């Protein structure tokens, strides 16, 4: 039998040229609690074929999400608009870095068609960072939301946006399209921003979430962090407090997984019990919804989480829980 050797360093250099000269950080063996099965179900194959047929990009593939097998087998996919090339070079991210192509004007319609074909109750739409665009891609997000509303009126829409750093006027364009959930991930604690998220600014991201609530208090806001990058518990608790000041509704916490030896190293595998402790702290601080586990990702179980989020708000306001689609 012929043995095939895959050089992950060569592939990483093609996707992440800015990381090519970095010293390697060996990828650690995952603990038992974070291992997942390889995808092989027929429904997974159908979902994959639909994405290819509609020429759509998914963050599930581009970011090497460990939950892709489970989610695609349930016809859940997080679609990534505005191409697969990002203008940022975050130390944790597996999405290709470089100069993006021009926007595809037909993409919003193709995304809407896929949502309708899959019969999704809830869809998550994310994107690469597009610092090359005057509005950071805000109008493209808004058009995508509008087309989904037209093609599948009963589908609730969650967006996961960039920070729109130095893009004045961009955020109101997206908010006016009225997504059901506005998600923007903080990713890590402020101290680690210079090395983990150098192209972003922590307080800009917090302010973005605060501004969403100021512009439209009815929109649910959501944000998340990766753990295991070297953060301390008190630093995570401080981020939670910053979120509550900004009235963020939903917090997600998951384990950072290193995509290649050229990416940021894992400082620690956070145990399931530690994630439970973080969740307890977050709920005590007043978040409507908390998802915290090693495999939690922004859009993992997003449909059921949205239903729980809506019910939590109804209870808080003293109303009967709203019916889910």
C-alpha atoms as a PDB file:
ATOM      1  CA  UNK A   1       0.000   0.000   0.000  1.00  0.00           C
ATOM      2  CA  UNK A   2       1.345   3.406  -0.980  1.00  0.00           C
ATOM      3  CA  UNK A   3       1.625   5.908   1.860  1.00  0.00           C
ATOM      4  CA  UNK A   4       0.648   9.499   1.043  1.00  0.00           C
ATOM      5  CA  UNK A   5       2.304  12.277   3.011  1.00  0.00           C
ATOM      6  CA  UNK A   6       0.550  15.635   3.226  1.00  0.00           C
ATOM      7  CA  UNK A   7       2.738  18.651   3.895  1.00  0.00           C
ATOM      8  CA  UNK A   8       0.439  20.903   5.914  1.00  0.00           C
ATOM      9  CA  UNK A   9       3.146  23.594   6.046  1.00  0.00           C
ATOM     10  CA  UNK A  10       3.076  23.985   2.272  1.00  0.00           C
ATOM     11  CA  UNK A  11      -0.712  24.302   2.258  1.00  0.00           C
ATOM     12  CA  UNK A  12      -0.557  26.809   5.133  1.00  0.00           C
ATOM     13  CA  UNK A  13       1.974  28.912   3.233  1.00  0.00           C
ATOM     14  CA  UNK A  14      -0.408  29.151   0.276  1.00  0.00           C
ATOM     15  CA  UNK A  15      -3.406  30.136   2.422  1.00  0.00           C
ATOM     16  CA  UNK A  16      -1.485  32.306   4.872  1.00  0.00           C
ATOM     17  CA  UNK A  17       1.592  33.846   3.220  1.00  0.00           C
ATOM     18  CA  UNK A  18       1.914  36.344   6.067  1.00  0.00           C
ATOM     19  CA  UNK A  19       2.486  33.442   8.480  1.00  0.00           C
ATOM     20  CA  UNK A  20       5.000  31.530   6.351  1.00  0.00           C
ATOM     21  CA  UNK A  21       8.090  32.864   8.156  1.00  0.00           C
ATOM     22  CA  UNK A  22       6.740  32.323  11.638  1.00  0.00           C
ATOM     23  CA  UNK A  23       8.366  29.556  13.703  1.00  0.00           C
ATOM     24  CA  UNK A  24       6.309  26.394  13.956  1.00  0.00           C
ATOM     25  CA  UNK A  25       4.207  25.748  17.048  1.00  0.00           C
ATOM     26  CA  UNK A  26       3.615  21.980  17.257  1.00  0.00           C
ATOM     27  CA  UNK A  27      -0.054  21.002  17.218  1.00  0.00           C
ATOM     28  CA  UNK A  28      -0.971  19.273  20.458  1.00  0.00           C
ATOM     29  CA  UNK A  29      -2.933  16.050  20.618  1.00  0.00           C
ATOM     30  CA  UNK A  30      -6.590  16.758  21.427  1.00  0.00           C
ATOM     31  CA  UNK A  31      -8.027  15.374  24.664  1.00  0.00           C
ATOM     32  CA  UNK A  32     -10.808  12.813  24.465  1.00  0.00           C
ATOM     33  CA  UNK A  33     -13.541  15.343  25.224  1.00  0.00           C
ATOM     34  CA  UNK A  34     -12.871  17.356  22.082  1.00  0.00           C
ATOM     35  CA  UNK A  35     -12.575  14.686  19.394  1.00  0.00           C
ATOM     36  CA  UNK A  36     -15.250  14.381  16.718  1.00  0.00           C
ATOM     37  CA  UNK A  37     -16.107  11.830  14.062  1.00  0.00           C
ATOM     38  CA  UNK A  38     -15.278  12.383  10.416  1.00  0.00           C
ATOM     39  CA  UNK A  39     -18.341  13.419   8.341  1.00  0.00           C
ATOM     40  CA  UNK A  40     -19.795  10.647   6.199  1.00  0.00           C
ATOM     41  CA  UNK A  41     -23.613  10.789   6.262  1.00  0.00           C
ATOM     42  CA  UNK A  42     -25.696  11.004   3.053  1.00  0.00           C
ATOM     43  CA  UNK A  43     -27.287  14.277   4.223  1.00  0.00           C
ATOM     44  CA  UNK A  44     -23.804  15.727   4.730  1.00  0.00           C
ATOM     45  CA  UNK A  45     -23.012  14.888   1.118  1.00  0.00           C
ATOM     46  CA  UNK A  46     -26.287  16.474  -0.035  1.00  0.00           C
ATOM     47  CA  UNK A  47     -25.543  19.681   1.866  1.00  0.00           C
ATOM     48  CA  UNK A  48     -22.053  19.802   0.429  1.00  0.00           C
ATOM     49  CA  UNK A  49     -23.410  19.288  -3.095  1.00  0.00           C
ATOM     50  CA  UNK A  50     -25.913  22.127  -2.635  1.00  0.00           C
ATOM     51  CA  UNK A  51     -23.152  24.494  -1.551  1.00  0.00           C
ATOM     52  CA  UNK A  52     -21.101  23.553  -4.618  1.00  0.00           C
ATOM     53  CA  UNK A  53     -24.086  23.823  -6.968  1.00  0.00           C
ATOM     54  CA  UNK A  54     -24.836  27.352  -5.769  1.00  0.00           C
ATOM     55  CA  UNK A  55     -21.139  28.320  -5.716  1.00  0.00           C
ATOM     56  CA  UNK A  56     -21.350  29.239  -2.050  1.00  0.00           C
ATOM     57  CA  UNK A  57     -18.572  29.501   0.501  1.00  0.00           C
ATOM     58  CA  UNK A  58     -19.113  28.257   4.057  1.00  0.00           C
ATOM     59  CA  UNK A  59     -17.190  29.186   7.166  1.00  0.00           C
ATOM     60  CA  UNK A  60     -17.679  25.549   8.191  1.00  0.00           C
ATOM     61  CA  UNK A  61     -15.070  24.560   5.608  1.00  0.00           C
ATOM     62  CA  UNK A  62     -12.917  27.682   5.447  1.00  0.00           C
ATOM     63  CA  UNK A  63     -12.394  27.849   9.204  1.00  0.00           C
ATOM     64  CA  UNK A  64     -12.048  24.048   9.547  1.00  0.00           C
ATOM     65  CA  UNK A  65     -14.887  23.857  12.080  1.00  0.00           C
ATOM     66  CA  UNK A  66     -14.849  20.608  14.098  1.00  0.00           C
ATOM     67  CA  UNK A  67     -18.670  20.454  14.073  1.00  0.00           C
ATOM     68  CA  UNK A  68     -19.101  20.359  10.297  1.00  0.00           C
ATOM     69  CA  UNK A  69     -20.077  16.679  10.246  1.00  0.00           C
ATOM     70  CA  UNK A  70     -22.852  17.098  12.805  1.00  0.00           C
ATOM     71  CA  UNK A  71     -24.182  20.379  11.427  1.00  0.00           C
ATOM     72  CA  UNK A  72     -24.171  19.477   7.730  1.00  0.00           C
ATOM     73  CA  UNK A  73     -25.798  16.137   8.542  1.00  0.00           C
ATOM     74  CA  UNK A  74     -28.688  18.210   9.939  1.00  0.00           C
ATOM     75  CA  UNK A  75     -28.685  20.571   6.913  1.00  0.00           C
ATOM     76  CA  UNK A  76     -27.223  23.407   8.972  1.00  0.00           C
ATOM     77  CA  UNK A  77     -24.510  25.429   7.269  1.00  0.00           C
ATOM     78  CA  UNK A  78     -23.063  28.840   8.030  1.00  0.00           C
ATOM     79  CA  UNK A  79     -22.655  30.663   4.741  1.00  0.00           C
ATOM     80  CA  UNK A  80     -19.742  33.031   4.272  1.00  0.00           C
ATOM     81  CA  UNK A  81     -20.412  35.867   1.856  1.00  0.00           C
ATOM     82  CA  UNK A  82     -18.103  38.256  -0.015  1.00  0.00           C
ATOM     83  CA  UNK A  83     -15.605  35.587  -0.998  1.00  0.00           C
ATOM     84  CA  UNK A  84     -13.148  33.342   0.780  1.00  0.00           C
ATOM     85  CA  UNK A  85     -10.189  35.745   0.992  1.00  0.00           C
ATOM     86  CA  UNK A  86      -9.862  37.976   4.064  1.00  0.00           C
ATOM     87  CA  UNK A  87      -8.016  41.290   4.346  1.00  0.00           C
ATOM     88  CA  UNK A  88      -7.042  40.569   7.963  1.00  0.00           C
ATOM     89  CA  UNK A  89      -4.383  38.177   9.248  1.00  0.00           C
ATOM     90  CA  UNK A  90      -5.568  37.040  12.672  1.00  0.00           C
ATOM     91  CA  UNK A  91      -3.222  34.564  14.357  1.00  0.00           C
ATOM     92  CA  UNK A  92      -6.011  32.079  15.114  1.00  0.00           C
ATOM     93  CA  UNK A  93      -7.931  32.044  11.832  1.00  0.00           C
ATOM     94  CA  UNK A  94      -7.715  29.471   9.024  1.00  0.00           C
ATOM     95  CA  UNK A  95      -9.439  31.635   6.389  1.00  0.00           C
ATOM     96  CA  UNK A  96      -7.146  32.610   3.505  1.00  0.00           C
ATOM     97  CA  UNK A  97      -5.474  36.014   3.747  1.00  0.00           C
ATOM     98  CA  UNK A  98      -4.863  38.218   0.709  1.00  0.00           C
ATOM     99  CA  UNK A  99      -6.480  40.622  -1.735  1.00  0.00           C
ATOM    100  CA  UNK A 100     -10.170  39.721  -2.192  1.00  0.00           C
ATOM    101  CA  UNK A 101     -11.967  39.630  -5.526  1.00  0.00           C
ATOM    102  CA  UNK A 102     -14.755  42.018  -6.500  1.00  0.00           C
ATOM    103  CA  UNK A 103     -18.146  41.386  -4.912  1.00  0.00           C
ATOM    104  CA  UNK A 104     -20.471  38.992  -6.718  1.00  0.00           C
ATOM    105  CA  UNK A 105     -23.788  40.820  -7.179  1.00  0.00           C
ATOM    106  CA  UNK A 106     -25.628  37.511  -7.651  1.00  0.00           C
ATOM    107  CA  UNK A 107     -24.431  36.039  -4.369  1.00  0.00           C
ATOM    108  CA  UNK A 108     -27.318  37.304  -2.162  1.00  0.00           C
ATOM    109  CA  UNK A 109     -29.838  35.597  -4.468  1.00  0.00           C
ATOM    110  CA  UNK A 110     -27.871  32.316  -4.454  1.00  0.00           C
ATOM    111  CA  UNK A 111     -27.644  32.361  -0.678  1.00  0.00           C
ATOM    112  CA  UNK A 112     -31.402  32.949  -0.439  1.00  0.00           C
ATOM    113  CA  UNK A 113     -32.066  30.087  -2.854  1.00  0.00           C
ATOM    114  CA  UNK A 114     -29.956  27.707  -0.778  1.00  0.00           C
ATOM    115  CA  UNK A 115     -31.730  28.769   2.434  1.00  0.00           C
ATOM    116  CA  UNK A 116     -35.114  28.093   0.820  1.00  0.00           C
ATOM    117  CA  UNK A 117     -33.981  24.753  -0.643  1.00  0.00           C
ATOM    118  CA  UNK A 118     -32.644  23.554   2.697  1.00  0.00           C
ATOM    119  CA  UNK A 119     -35.840  24.696   4.404  1.00  0.00           C
ATOM    120  CA  UNK A 120     -33.922  26.374   7.199  1.00  0.00           C
ATOM    121  CA  UNK A 121     -35.776  27.694  10.233  1.00  0.00           C
ATOM    122  CA  UNK A 122     -32.722  29.735  11.174  1.00  0.00           C
ATOM    123  CA  UNK A 123     -29.695  30.718   9.094  1.00  0.00           C
ATOM    124  CA  UNK A 124     -26.333  32.203  10.024  1.00  0.00           C
ATOM    125  CA  UNK A 125     -24.588  34.466   7.511  1.00  0.00           C
ATOM    126  CA  UNK A 126     -21.004  35.542   8.108  1.00  0.00           C
ATOM    127  CA  UNK A 127     -18.240  37.047   5.995  1.00  0.00           C
ATOM    128  CA  UNK A 128     -14.557  37.651   5.636  1.00  0.00           C
ATOM    129  CA  UNK A 129     -13.228  41.066   6.614  1.00  0.00           C
ATOM    130  CA  UNK A 130     -13.423  43.411   3.622  1.00  0.00           C
ATOM    131  CA  UNK A 131     -11.309  46.388   4.617  1.00  0.00           C
ATOM    132  CA  UNK A 132     -10.883  47.077   0.874  1.00  0.00           C
ATOM    133  CA  UNK A 133     -14.546  48.138   0.542  1.00  0.00           C
ATOM    134  CA  UNK A 134     -15.763  51.618   1.420  1.00  0.00           C
ATOM    135  CA  UNK A 135     -18.590  50.251   3.567  1.00  0.00           C
ATOM    136  CA  UNK A 136     -16.783  47.089   4.696  1.00  0.00           C
ATOM    137  CA  UNK A 137     -19.455  45.021   2.943  1.00  0.00           C
ATOM    138  CA  UNK A 138     -22.411  46.450   4.882  1.00  0.00           C
ATOM    139  CA  UNK A 139     -24.621  46.867   1.795  1.00  0.00           C
ATOM    140  CA  UNK A 140     -23.878  43.312   0.690  1.00  0.00           C
ATOM    141  CA  UNK A 141     -24.992  42.043   4.114  1.00  0.00           C
ATOM    142  CA  UNK A 142     -28.174  44.111   3.844  1.00  0.00           C
ATOM    143  CA  UNK A 143     -28.962  42.806   0.340  1.00  0.00           C
ATOM    144  CA  UNK A 144     -28.428  39.235   1.493  1.00  0.00           C
ATOM    145  CA  UNK A 145     -30.814  39.686   4.424  1.00  0.00           C
ATOM    146  CA  UNK A 146     -33.429  41.203   2.114  1.00  0.00           C
ATOM    147  CA  UNK A 147     -33.195  38.394  -0.433  1.00  0.00           C
ATOM    148  CA  UNK A 148     -33.532  35.733   2.268  1.00  0.00           C
ATOM    149  CA  UNK A 149     -36.635  37.470   3.619  1.00  0.00           C
ATOM    150  CA  UNK A 150     -38.135  37.372   0.116  1.00  0.00           C
ATOM    151  CA  UNK A 151     -37.245  33.722  -0.609  1.00  0.00           C
ATOM    152  CA  UNK A 152     -37.953  32.278   2.838  1.00  0.00           C
ATOM    153  CA  UNK A 153     -40.094  34.636   4.969  1.00  0.00           C
ATOM    154  CA  UNK A 154     -40.337  32.289   7.948  1.00  0.00           C
ATOM    155  CA  UNK A 155     -36.562  31.869   8.315  1.00  0.00           C
ATOM    156  CA  UNK A 156     -34.969  33.813  11.149  1.00  0.00           C
ATOM    157  CA  UNK A 157     -31.656  35.420  10.231  1.00  0.00           C
ATOM    158  CA  UNK A 158     -28.485  35.662  12.285  1.00  0.00           C
ATOM    159  CA  UNK A 159     -25.497  37.577  10.969  1.00  0.00           C
ATOM    160  CA  UNK A 160     -21.898  37.384  12.146  1.00  0.00           C
ATOM    161  CA  UNK A 161     -20.194  40.544  10.931  1.00  0.00           C
ATOM    162  CA  UNK A 162     -16.726  42.103  10.852  1.00  0.00           C
ATOM    163  CA  UNK A 163     -16.044  45.063  13.136  1.00  0.00           C
ATOM    164  CA  UNK A 164     -16.499  47.710  10.380  1.00  0.00           C
ATOM    165  CA  UNK A 165     -13.386  49.417  11.743  1.00  0.00           C
ATOM    166  CA  UNK A 166     -12.957  52.869  10.186  1.00  0.00           C
ATOM    167  CA  UNK A 167     -16.133  52.408   8.103  1.00  0.00           C
ATOM    168  CA  UNK A 168     -18.378  55.297   9.223  1.00  0.00           C
ATOM    169  CA  UNK A 169     -22.032  54.783   8.413  1.00  0.00           C
ATOM    170  CA  UNK A 170     -21.661  51.057   7.731  1.00  0.00           C
ATOM    171  CA  UNK A 171     -23.381  49.679  10.828  1.00  0.00           C
ATOM    172  CA  UNK A 172     -26.741  51.504  10.368  1.00  0.00           C
ATOM    173  CA  UNK A 173     -27.021  50.003   6.855  1.00  0.00           C
ATOM    174  CA  UNK A 174     -26.914  46.481   8.314  1.00  0.00           C
ATOM    175  CA  UNK A 175     -29.143  47.268  11.296  1.00  0.00           C
ATOM    176  CA  UNK A 176     -31.814  48.810   9.034  1.00  0.00           C
ATOM    177  CA  UNK A 177     -32.097  45.442   7.231  1.00  0.00           C
ATOM    178  CA  UNK A 178     -33.268  44.075  10.625  1.00  0.00           C
ATOM    179  CA  UNK A 179     -31.539  40.737  11.169  1.00  0.00           C
ATOM    180  CA  UNK A 180     -32.975  38.794  14.094  1.00  0.00           C
ATOM    181  CA  UNK A 181     -29.548  38.337  15.693  1.00  0.00           C
ATOM    182  CA  UNK A 182     -26.491  40.549  15.272  1.00  0.00           C
ATOM    183  CA  UNK A 183     -23.336  38.659  16.208  1.00  0.00           C
ATOM    184  CA  UNK A 184     -19.820  40.035  16.311  1.00  0.00           C
ATOM    185  CA  UNK A 185     -17.158  37.989  18.057  1.00  0.00           C
ATOM    186  CA  UNK A 186     -14.667  39.601  20.425  1.00  0.00           C
ATOM    187  CA  UNK A 187     -12.581  36.386  20.069  1.00  0.00           C
ATOM    188  CA  UNK A 188     -10.213  36.966  23.007  1.00  0.00           C
ATOM    189  CA  UNK A 189      -9.379  39.232  25.936  1.00  0.00           C
ATOM    190  CA  UNK A 190      -7.945  42.753  25.372  1.00  0.00           C
ATOM    191  CA  UNK A 191      -4.424  41.831  26.541  1.00  0.00           C
ATOM    192  CA  UNK A 192      -4.031  39.292  23.726  1.00  0.00           C
ATOM    193  CA  UNK A 193      -5.309  41.492  20.889  1.00  0.00           C
ATOM    194  CA  UNK A 194      -1.859  42.666  19.693  1.00  0.00           C
ATOM    195  CA  UNK A 195      -0.745  39.078  19.021  1.00  0.00           C
ATOM    196  CA  UNK A 196      -4.025  37.242  18.325  1.00  0.00           C
ATOM    197  CA  UNK A 197      -6.166  39.874  16.586  1.00  0.00           C
ATOM    198  CA  UNK A 198      -3.715  42.620  15.564  1.00  0.00           C
ATOM    199  CA  UNK A 199      -5.906  44.192  12.880  1.00  0.00           C
ATOM    200  CA  UNK A 200      -8.803  44.769  15.287  1.00  0.00           C
ATOM    201  CA  UNK A 201      -9.457  46.944  18.338  1.00  0.00           C
ATOM    202  CA  UNK A 202     -11.168  45.473  21.401  1.00  0.00           C
ATOM    203  CA  UNK A 203     -13.168  48.544  22.358  1.00  0.00           C
ATOM    204  CA  UNK A 204     -14.277  49.114  18.763  1.00  0.00           C
ATOM    205  CA  UNK A 205     -15.819  45.647  18.843  1.00  0.00           C
ATOM    206  CA  UNK A 206     -17.575  46.271  22.168  1.00  0.00           C
ATOM    207  CA  UNK A 207     -18.793  49.644  20.902  1.00  0.00           C
ATOM    208  CA  UNK A 208     -20.174  48.010  17.750  1.00  0.00           C
ATOM    209  CA  UNK A 209     -22.381  45.711  19.830  1.00  0.00           C
ATOM    210  CA  UNK A 210     -23.462  48.604  22.027  1.00  0.00           C
ATOM    211  CA  UNK A 211     -24.361  50.669  18.944  1.00  0.00           C
ATOM    212  CA  UNK A 212     -26.561  47.884  17.560  1.00  0.00           C
ATOM    213  CA  UNK A 213     -28.702  48.075  20.694  1.00  0.00           C
ATOM    214  CA  UNK A 214     -28.775  51.846  20.520  1.00  0.00           C
ATOM    215  CA  UNK A 215     -29.967  51.760  16.904  1.00  0.00           C
ATOM    216  CA  UNK A 216     -32.516  48.947  17.365  1.00  0.00           C
ATOM    217  CA  UNK A 217     -33.064  47.508  20.870  1.00  0.00           C
ATOM    218  CA  UNK A 218     -35.259  44.713  19.439  1.00  0.00           C
ATOM    219  CA  UNK A 219     -32.326  43.018  17.688  1.00  0.00           C
ATOM    220  CA  UNK A 220     -30.652  40.322  19.764  1.00  0.00           C
ATOM    221  CA  UNK A 221     -26.891  40.805  20.131  1.00  0.00           C
ATOM    222  CA  UNK A 222     -24.378  38.027  20.509  1.00  0.00           C
ATOM    223  CA  UNK A 223     -20.631  37.638  20.915  1.00  0.00           C
ATOM    224  CA  UNK A 224     -18.102  34.975  21.756  1.00  0.00           C
ATOM    225  CA  UNK A 225     -14.579  34.163  22.864  1.00  0.00           C
ATOM    226  CA  UNK A 226     -12.146  31.364  22.178  1.00  0.00           C
ATOM    227  CA  UNK A 227     -10.544  30.013  25.338  1.00  0.00           C
ATOM    228  CA  UNK A 228      -7.162  28.350  25.688  1.00  0.00           C
ATOM    229  CA  UNK A 229      -5.043  31.174  24.256  1.00  0.00           C
ATOM    230  CA  UNK A 230      -3.502  32.209  27.568  1.00  0.00           C
ATOM    231  CA  UNK A 231      -6.333  34.212  29.125  1.00  0.00           C
ATOM    232  CA  UNK A 232      -6.915  34.323  32.875  1.00  0.00           C
ATOM    233  CA  UNK A 233     -10.336  33.689  34.437  1.00  0.00           C
ATOM    234  CA  UNK A 234     -10.609  37.220  35.809  1.00  0.00           C
ATOM    235  CA  UNK A 235      -9.882  38.612  32.335  1.00  0.00           C
ATOM    236  CA  UNK A 236     -12.733  36.568  30.879  1.00  0.00           C
ATOM    237  CA  UNK A 237     -15.001  37.789  33.675  1.00  0.00           C
ATOM    238  CA  UNK A 238     -14.079  41.388  32.817  1.00  0.00           C
ATOM    239  CA  UNK A 239     -15.042  40.820  29.168  1.00  0.00           C
ATOM    240  CA  UNK A 240     -18.378  39.472  30.396  1.00  0.00           C
ATOM    241  CA  UNK A 241     -18.879  42.682  32.368  1.00  0.00           C
ATOM    242  CA  UNK A 242     -18.044  44.791  29.304  1.00  0.00           C
ATOM    243  CA  UNK A 243     -20.617  42.795  27.342  1.00  0.00           C
ATOM    244  CA  UNK A 244     -23.294  43.340  29.961  1.00  0.00           C
ATOM    245  CA  UNK A 245     -22.652  47.089  29.929  1.00  0.00           C
ATOM    246  CA  UNK A 246     -23.237  46.895  26.165  1.00  0.00           C
ATOM    247  CA  UNK A 247     -26.416  44.846  26.833  1.00  0.00           C
ATOM    248  CA  UNK A 248     -25.197  41.808  24.886  1.00  0.00           C
ATOM    249  CA  UNK A 249     -27.839  39.091  25.093  1.00  0.00           C
ATOM    250  CA  UNK A 250     -25.993  35.908  24.152  1.00  0.00           C
ATOM    251  CA  UNK A 251     -22.477  34.741  25.055  1.00  0.00           C
ATOM    252  CA  UNK A 252     -20.622  31.815  23.454  1.00  0.00           C
ATOM    253  CA  UNK A 253     -17.402  30.312  24.802  1.00  0.00           C
ATOM    254  CA  UNK A 254     -15.463  27.563  23.028  1.00  0.00           C
ATOM    255  CA  UNK A 255     -12.025  25.982  22.913  1.00  0.00           C
ATOM    256  CA  UNK A 256      -9.482  27.419  20.469  1.00  0.00           C
ATOM    257  CA  UNK A 257      -8.094  24.761  18.137  1.00  0.00           C
ATOM    258  CA  UNK A 258      -4.863  25.423  16.274  1.00  0.00           C
ATOM    259  CA  UNK A 259      -5.381  24.987  12.487  1.00  0.00           C
ATOM    260  CA  UNK A 260      -1.702  24.641  11.453  1.00  0.00           C
ATOM    261  CA  UNK A 261       1.773  24.871  13.050  1.00  0.00           C
ATOM    262  CA  UNK A 262       1.982  28.461  11.777  1.00  0.00           C
ATOM    263  CA  UNK A 263      -1.028  29.612  13.792  1.00  0.00           C
ATOM    264  CA  UNK A 264      -1.128  30.683  17.435  1.00  0.00           C
ATOM    265  CA  UNK A 265      -0.285  27.858  19.808  1.00  0.00           C
ATOM    266  CA  UNK A 266      -2.784  26.444  22.274  1.00  0.00           C
ATOM    267  CA  UNK A 267      -1.835  27.528  25.782  1.00  0.00           C
ATOM    268  CA  UNK A 268      -4.335  25.190  27.452  1.00  0.00           C
ATOM    269  CA  UNK A 269      -7.155  22.764  26.797  1.00  0.00           C
ATOM    270  CA  UNK A 270      -9.960  24.081  28.983  1.00  0.00           C
ATOM    271  CA  UNK A 271     -11.847  21.227  30.642  1.00  0.00           C
ATOM    272  CA  UNK A 272     -15.622  20.685  30.377  1.00  0.00           C
ATOM    273  CA  UNK A 273     -15.957  21.436  34.090  1.00  0.00           C
ATOM    274  CA  UNK A 274     -14.175  24.767  33.642  1.00  0.00           C
ATOM    275  CA  UNK A 275     -16.560  25.638  30.819  1.00  0.00           C
ATOM    276  CA  UNK A 276     -19.471  24.849  33.152  1.00  0.00           C
ATOM    277  CA  UNK A 277     -18.009  27.238  35.724  1.00  0.00           C
ATOM    278  CA  UNK A 278     -17.710  29.978  33.092  1.00  0.00           C
ATOM    279  CA  UNK A 279     -21.329  29.362  32.065  1.00  0.00           C
ATOM    280  CA  UNK A 280     -22.497  29.660  35.677  1.00  0.00           C
ATOM    281  CA  UNK A 281     -20.632  32.964  36.046  1.00  0.00           C
ATOM    282  CA  UNK A 282     -22.098  34.298  32.783  1.00  0.00           C
ATOM    283  CA  UNK A 283     -25.669  33.419  33.738  1.00  0.00           C
ATOM    284  CA  UNK A 284     -25.191  35.102  37.107  1.00  0.00           C
ATOM    285  CA  UNK A 285     -24.141  38.267  35.285  1.00  0.00           C
ATOM    286  CA  UNK A 286     -27.458  38.357  33.439  1.00  0.00           C
ATOM    287  CA  UNK A 287     -26.961  37.046  29.897  1.00  0.00           C
ATOM    288  CA  UNK A 288     -30.219  35.786  28.386  1.00  0.00           C
ATOM    289  CA  UNK A 289     -28.450  32.836  26.766  1.00  0.00           C
ATOM    290  CA  UNK A 290     -25.069  31.186  27.326  1.00  0.00           C
ATOM    291  CA  UNK A 291     -23.391  28.414  25.349  1.00  0.00           C
ATOM    292  CA  UNK A 292     -20.090  27.251  26.818  1.00  0.00           C
ATOM    293  CA  UNK A 293     -18.351  23.986  25.974  1.00  0.00           C
ATOM    294  CA  UNK A 294     -15.144  22.837  24.262  1.00  0.00           C
ATOM    295  CA  UNK A 295     -16.908  22.434  20.901  1.00  0.00           C
ATOM    296  CA  UNK A 296     -19.106  25.533  21.103  1.00  0.00           C
ATOM    297  CA  UNK A 297     -18.787  27.763  18.051  1.00  0.00           C
ATOM    298  CA  UNK A 298     -20.708  30.910  17.087  1.00  0.00           C
ATOM    299  CA  UNK A 299     -23.262  29.112  14.942  1.00  0.00           C
ATOM    300  CA  UNK A 300     -23.261  25.694  16.642  1.00  0.00           C
ATOM    301  CA  UNK A 301     -26.902  24.780  17.439  1.00  0.00           C
ATOM    302  CA  UNK A 302     -27.817  28.341  16.427  1.00  0.00           C
ATOM    303  CA  UNK A 303     -31.422  27.446  15.572  1.00  0.00           C
ATOM    304  CA  UNK A 304     -32.307  25.882  18.926  1.00  0.00           C
ATOM    305  CA  UNK A 305     -30.280  28.525  20.761  1.00  0.00           C
ATOM    306  CA  UNK A 306     -32.262  31.273  19.031  1.00  0.00           C
ATOM    307  CA  UNK A 307     -35.536  29.694  20.140  1.00  0.00           C
ATOM    308  CA  UNK A 308     -34.244  29.580  23.723  1.00  0.00           C
ATOM    309  CA  UNK A 309     -33.021  33.162  23.445  1.00  0.00           C
ATOM    310  CA  UNK A 310     -36.424  34.390  22.329  1.00  0.00           C
ATOM    311  CA  UNK A 311     -38.153  32.522  25.141  1.00  0.00           C
ATOM    312  CA  UNK A 312     -35.692  33.942  27.692  1.00  0.00           C
ATOM    313  CA  UNK A 313     -36.474  37.494  26.603  1.00  0.00           C
ATOM    314  CA  UNK A 314     -40.208  36.799  26.780  1.00  0.00           C
ATOM    315  CA  UNK A 315     -39.845  35.486  30.338  1.00  0.00           C
ATOM    316  CA  UNK A 316     -37.741  38.482  31.338  1.00  0.00           C
ATOM    317  CA  UNK A 317     -40.394  40.854  29.991  1.00  0.00           C
ATOM    318  CA  UNK A 318     -43.172  38.854  31.652  1.00  0.00           C
ATOM    319  CA  UNK A 319     -44.740  37.634  28.412  1.00  0.00           C
ATOM    320  CA  UNK A 320     -45.642  34.134  27.334  1.00  0.00           C
ATOM    321  CA  UNK A 321     -42.846  32.556  25.233  1.00  0.00           C
ATOM    322  CA  UNK A 322     -43.184  33.348  21.540  1.00  0.00           C
ATOM    323  CA  UNK A 323     -43.988  30.485  19.216  1.00  0.00           C
ATOM    324  CA  UNK A 324     -41.026  29.239  17.187  1.00  0.00           C
ATOM    325  CA  UNK A 325     -41.202  28.680  13.444  1.00  0.00           C
END
